[in-house]
Amino acid sequence: MALTSTTVFDVVGGTQTISFYESATLVDQITYSSNAINFSSISSFSLSQSDTLLYFKYLNAFFTLLGLNFPVIYLNGNSSWPVCEFDITQSSSGAFHIYYTQNSVSQSVYEINYVPLAQAASFSARSAITITLQEFFMTINMISQYSNQISLN
């Protein structure tokens, strides 16, 4: 079954949440609140290549809606960054893999392993974590690049 998502905008509470579902099961949830991005705790899950690309499209739409619903977020683009890491790597150990890793203050935000031969991506389990808007801006840029690599493979 195809990946679906819902985005909820709460004007009174000043929040926006995107929820991702695979066959009616919640697999991921991300919320904007108080000028920060909150990633919910999740279990590991796998998506087909097309659903992985759809996940990234939904995430990009969420980001676009943030700018429309909360234009003030762009004022935070030049603030200081915490210690964070964004990494896209490839490995040919056995099957070919394309990895996306993102950490914030030594906590995992994303660990994604795409295997072109299987045409599927595995998203690792994650503890709840809050990142800055600056990190989320870079997340969108890096996920876009990662999405391009998946599309080409």
C-alpha atoms as a PDB file:
ATOM      1  CA  MET A   1       0.000   0.000   0.000  1.00  0.00           C
ATOM      2  CA  ALA A   2       1.221   3.507  -0.760  1.00  0.00           C
ATOM      3  CA  LEU A   3       2.587   5.868   1.826  1.00  0.00           C
ATOM      4  CA  THR A   4       0.151   8.596   2.897  1.00  0.00           C
ATOM      5  CA  SER A   5       0.527  11.665   5.058  1.00  0.00           C
ATOM      6  CA  THR A   6      -1.579  14.246   6.836  1.00  0.00           C
ATOM      7  CA  THR A   7      -0.511  17.745   7.780  1.00  0.00           C
ATOM      8  CA  VAL A   8      -2.327  19.583  10.564  1.00  0.00           C
ATOM      9  CA  PHE A   9      -1.932  23.345  11.044  1.00  0.00           C
ATOM     10  CA  ASP A  10      -3.016  24.716  14.448  1.00  0.00           C
ATOM     11  CA  VAL A  11      -3.175  28.489  14.178  1.00  0.00           C
ATOM     12  CA  VAL A  12      -4.150  28.973  17.847  1.00  0.00           C
ATOM     13  CA  GLY A  13      -1.455  26.673  19.213  1.00  0.00           C
ATOM     14  CA  GLY A  14       1.133  27.831  16.665  1.00  0.00           C
ATOM     15  CA  THR A  15       2.013  24.307  15.571  1.00  0.00           C
ATOM     16  CA  GLN A  16       2.137  22.269  12.394  1.00  0.00           C
ATOM     17  CA  THR A  17       2.436  18.474  12.345  1.00  0.00           C
ATOM     18  CA  ILE A  18       3.029  15.997   9.552  1.00  0.00           C
ATOM     19  CA  SER A  19       2.219  12.342  10.117  1.00  0.00           C
ATOM     20  CA  PHE A  20       3.323   9.563   7.759  1.00  0.00           C
ATOM     21  CA  TYR A  21       1.305   6.352   7.413  1.00  0.00           C
ATOM     22  CA  GLU A  22       2.124   3.035   5.781  1.00  0.00           C
ATOM     23  CA  SER A  23      -1.031   0.913   5.439  1.00  0.00           C
ATOM     24  CA  ALA A  24      -2.815   2.996   8.130  1.00  0.00           C
ATOM     25  CA  THR A  25       0.094   2.491  10.581  1.00  0.00           C
ATOM     26  CA  LEU A  26       1.803   5.653  11.815  1.00  0.00           C
ATOM     27  CA  VAL A  27       5.498   5.322  10.908  1.00  0.00           C
ATOM     28  CA  ASP A  28       6.793   8.867  11.489  1.00  0.00           C
ATOM     29  CA  GLN A  29       5.666  12.213  12.859  1.00  0.00           C
ATOM     30  CA  ILE A  30       7.316  15.647  12.821  1.00  0.00           C
ATOM     31  CA  THR A  31       5.997  18.789  14.538  1.00  0.00           C
ATOM     32  CA  TYR A  32       6.923  22.469  14.344  1.00  0.00           C
ATOM     33  CA  SER A  33       6.370  24.253  17.670  1.00  0.00           C
ATOM     34  CA  SER A  34       8.040  27.166  19.457  1.00  0.00           C
ATOM     35  CA  ASN A  35      10.534  27.810  16.630  1.00  0.00           C
ATOM     36  CA  ALA A  36      11.863  24.242  16.700  1.00  0.00           C
ATOM     37  CA  ILE A  37      11.248  20.956  14.890  1.00  0.00           C
ATOM     38  CA  ASN A  38      10.287  17.970  17.034  1.00  0.00           C
ATOM     39  CA  PHE A  39      10.837  14.476  15.639  1.00  0.00           C
ATOM     40  CA  SER A  40       8.771  11.832  17.430  1.00  0.00           C
ATOM     41  CA  SER A  41      10.184   8.579  18.678  1.00  0.00           C
ATOM     42  CA  ILE A  42       9.727   5.895  16.010  1.00  0.00           C
ATOM     43  CA  SER A  43      10.367   2.226  15.401  1.00  0.00           C
ATOM     44  CA  SER A  44      12.342   1.195  12.345  1.00  0.00           C
ATOM     45  CA  PHE A  45      10.378   0.892   9.119  1.00  0.00           C
ATOM     46  CA  SER A  46      11.020   0.160   5.445  1.00  0.00           C
ATOM     47  CA  LEU A  47       9.617   1.792   2.326  1.00  0.00           C
ATOM     48  CA  SER A  48       9.765   0.931  -1.343  1.00  0.00           C
ATOM     49  CA  GLN A  49      11.729   3.260  -3.604  1.00  0.00           C
ATOM     50  CA  SER A  50       8.559   5.041  -4.753  1.00  0.00           C
ATOM     51  CA  ASP A  51       7.263   5.445  -1.185  1.00  0.00           C
ATOM     52  CA  THR A  52      10.672   6.706  -0.023  1.00  0.00           C
ATOM     53  CA  LEU A  53      10.610   9.368  -2.730  1.00  0.00           C
ATOM     54  CA  LEU A  54       7.011  10.168  -1.759  1.00  0.00           C
ATOM     55  CA  TYR A  55       8.104  10.543   1.898  1.00  0.00           C
ATOM     56  CA  PHE A  56      10.638  13.153   0.807  1.00  0.00           C
ATOM     57  CA  LYS A  57       8.041  14.967  -1.360  1.00  0.00           C
ATOM     58  CA  TYR A  58       5.635  15.100   1.607  1.00  0.00           C
ATOM     59  CA  LEU A  59       8.454  16.405   3.835  1.00  0.00           C
ATOM     60  CA  ASN A  60       9.246  19.116   1.286  1.00  0.00           C
ATOM     61  CA  ALA A  61       5.551  20.101   1.131  1.00  0.00           C
ATOM     62  CA  PHE A  62       5.531  20.298   4.953  1.00  0.00           C
ATOM     63  CA  PHE A  63       8.533  22.640   4.795  1.00  0.00           C
ATOM     64  CA  THR A  64       6.842  24.823   2.145  1.00  0.00           C
ATOM     65  CA  LEU A  65       3.706  25.038   4.291  1.00  0.00           C
ATOM     66  CA  LEU A  66       5.811  26.068   7.289  1.00  0.00           C
ATOM     67  CA  GLY A  67       7.041  29.087   5.357  1.00  0.00           C
ATOM     68  CA  LEU A  68       3.496  30.002   4.331  1.00  0.00           C
ATOM     69  CA  ASN A  69       1.922  29.445   7.741  1.00  0.00           C
ATOM     70  CA  PHE A  70       4.821  30.792   9.835  1.00  0.00           C
ATOM     71  CA  PRO A  71       6.823  33.281   7.709  1.00  0.00           C
ATOM     72  CA  VAL A  72       8.737  34.319  10.843  1.00  0.00           C
ATOM     73  CA  ILE A  73      10.754  31.069  10.625  1.00  0.00           C
ATOM     74  CA  TYR A  74      12.952  32.654   7.961  1.00  0.00           C
ATOM     75  CA  LEU A  75      14.166  35.236  10.489  1.00  0.00           C
ATOM     76  CA  ASN A  76      15.881  32.400  12.359  1.00  0.00           C
ATOM     77  CA  GLY A  77      17.977  31.295   9.383  1.00  0.00           C
ATOM     78  CA  ASN A  78      21.105  33.105  10.515  1.00  0.00           C
ATOM     79  CA  SER A  79      21.184  31.979  14.148  1.00  0.00           C
ATOM     80  CA  SER A  80      24.025  29.893  15.556  1.00  0.00           C
ATOM     81  CA  TRP A  81      24.072  26.160  14.881  1.00  0.00           C
ATOM     82  CA  PRO A  82      24.396  23.398  17.440  1.00  0.00           C
ATOM     83  CA  VAL A  83      26.859  20.565  16.843  1.00  0.00           C
ATOM     84  CA  CYS A  84      25.257  18.591  14.009  1.00  0.00           C
ATOM     85  CA  GLU A  85      26.202  16.241  11.189  1.00  0.00           C
ATOM     86  CA  PHE A  86      24.720  15.550   7.755  1.00  0.00           C
ATOM     87  CA  ASP A  87      26.204  12.759   5.656  1.00  0.00           C
ATOM     88  CA  ILE A  88      25.402  11.001   2.368  1.00  0.00           C
ATOM     89  CA  THR A  89      27.651   8.020   1.637  1.00  0.00           C
ATOM     90  CA  GLN A  90      27.768   5.024  -0.647  1.00  0.00           C
ATOM     91  CA  SER A  91      29.053   1.542   0.089  1.00  0.00           C
ATOM     92  CA  SER A  92      29.620  -1.499  -2.092  1.00  0.00           C
ATOM     93  CA  SER A  93      30.072  -4.021   0.710  1.00  0.00           C
ATOM     94  CA  GLY A  94      28.021  -6.914  -0.694  1.00  0.00           C
ATOM     95  CA  ALA A  95      25.131  -5.069  -2.297  1.00  0.00           C
ATOM     96  CA  PHE A  96      25.369  -1.376  -3.177  1.00  0.00           C
ATOM     97  CA  HIS A  97      23.967   0.936  -0.439  1.00  0.00           C
ATOM     98  CA  ILE A  98      23.284   4.680  -0.290  1.00  0.00           C
ATOM     99  CA  TYR A  99      23.162   5.988   3.283  1.00  0.00           C
ATOM    100  CA  TYR A 100      21.795   9.227   4.712  1.00  0.00           C
ATOM    101  CA  THR A 101      22.796  10.011   8.284  1.00  0.00           C
ATOM    102  CA  GLN A 102      21.840  13.067  10.302  1.00  0.00           C
ATOM    103  CA  ASN A 103      22.764  13.703  13.922  1.00  0.00           C
ATOM    104  CA  SER A 104      22.105  16.635  16.225  1.00  0.00           C
ATOM    105  CA  VAL A 105      24.169  17.029  19.370  1.00  0.00           C
ATOM    106  CA  SER A 106      25.159  13.341  19.020  1.00  0.00           C
ATOM    107  CA  GLN A 107      21.542  12.131  18.760  1.00  0.00           C
ATOM    108  CA  SER A 108      20.209  10.456  15.641  1.00  0.00           C
ATOM    109  CA  VAL A 109      17.648  12.345  13.567  1.00  0.00           C
ATOM    110  CA  TYR A 110      17.757  10.151  10.446  1.00  0.00           C
ATOM    111  CA  GLU A 111      19.577   6.945   9.529  1.00  0.00           C
ATOM    112  CA  ILE A 112      18.354   5.774   6.144  1.00  0.00           C
ATOM    113  CA  ASN A 113      19.811   2.903   4.140  1.00  0.00           C
ATOM    114  CA  TYR A 114      18.652   2.658   0.523  1.00  0.00           C
ATOM    115  CA  VAL A 115      19.533  -0.529  -1.403  1.00  0.00           C
ATOM    116  CA  PRO A 116      19.022  -0.088  -5.172  1.00  0.00           C
ATOM    117  CA  LEU A 117      18.961  -3.843  -5.822  1.00  0.00           C
ATOM    118  CA  ALA A 118      16.007  -4.228  -3.423  1.00  0.00           C
ATOM    119  CA  GLN A 119      14.519  -0.868  -4.463  1.00  0.00           C
ATOM    120  CA  ALA A 120      13.789  -0.194  -0.789  1.00  0.00           C
ATOM    121  CA  ALA A 121      14.957   2.006   2.066  1.00  0.00           C
ATOM    122  CA  SER A 122      15.198   1.188   5.761  1.00  0.00           C
ATOM    123  CA  PHE A 123      14.647   3.989   8.274  1.00  0.00           C
ATOM    124  CA  SER A 124      16.269   3.244  11.650  1.00  0.00           C
ATOM    125  CA  ALA A 125      14.436   3.602  14.952  1.00  0.00           C
ATOM    126  CA  ARG A 126      14.786   7.021  16.569  1.00  0.00           C
ATOM    127  CA  SER A 127      14.270   8.494  20.030  1.00  0.00           C
ATOM    128  CA  ALA A 128      12.320  11.745  20.240  1.00  0.00           C
ATOM    129  CA  ILE A 129      14.570  14.678  19.376  1.00  0.00           C
ATOM    130  CA  THR A 130      14.175  18.422  18.860  1.00  0.00           C
ATOM    131  CA  ILE A 131      16.307  20.253  16.300  1.00  0.00           C
ATOM    132  CA  THR A 132      16.692  23.918  15.414  1.00  0.00           C
ATOM    133  CA  LEU A 133      15.084  25.514  12.390  1.00  0.00           C
ATOM    134  CA  GLN A 134      18.545  26.034  10.878  1.00  0.00           C
ATOM    135  CA  GLU A 135      19.138  22.285  11.041  1.00  0.00           C
ATOM    136  CA  PHE A 136      15.752  21.631   9.470  1.00  0.00           C
ATOM    137  CA  PHE A 137      16.541  24.010   6.589  1.00  0.00           C
ATOM    138  CA  MET A 138      19.687  21.949   5.947  1.00  0.00           C
ATOM    139  CA  THR A 139      17.707  18.716   6.378  1.00  0.00           C
ATOM    140  CA  ILE A 140      15.489  19.734   3.477  1.00  0.00           C
ATOM    141  CA  ASN A 141      18.533  20.560   1.307  1.00  0.00           C
ATOM    142  CA  MET A 142      20.308  17.298   2.128  1.00  0.00           C
ATOM    143  CA  ILE A 143      17.184  15.137   1.774  1.00  0.00           C
ATOM    144  CA  SER A 144      16.688  16.704  -1.656  1.00  0.00           C
ATOM    145  CA  GLN A 145      20.192  15.602  -2.666  1.00  0.00           C
ATOM    146  CA  TYR A 146      19.640  12.142  -1.181  1.00  0.00           C
ATOM    147  CA  SER A 147      16.347  11.865  -3.057  1.00  0.00           C
ATOM    148  CA  ASN A 148      18.174  12.656  -6.296  1.00  0.00           C
ATOM    149  CA  GLN A 149      20.653   9.832  -5.630  1.00  0.00           C
ATOM    150  CA  ILE A 150      17.809   7.386  -4.969  1.00  0.00           C
ATOM    151  CA  SER A 151      16.065   8.482  -8.180  1.00  0.00           C
ATOM    152  CA  LEU A 152      19.211   7.777 -10.178  1.00  0.00           C
ATOM    153  CA  ASN A 153      19.622   4.302  -8.696  1.00  0.00           C
END
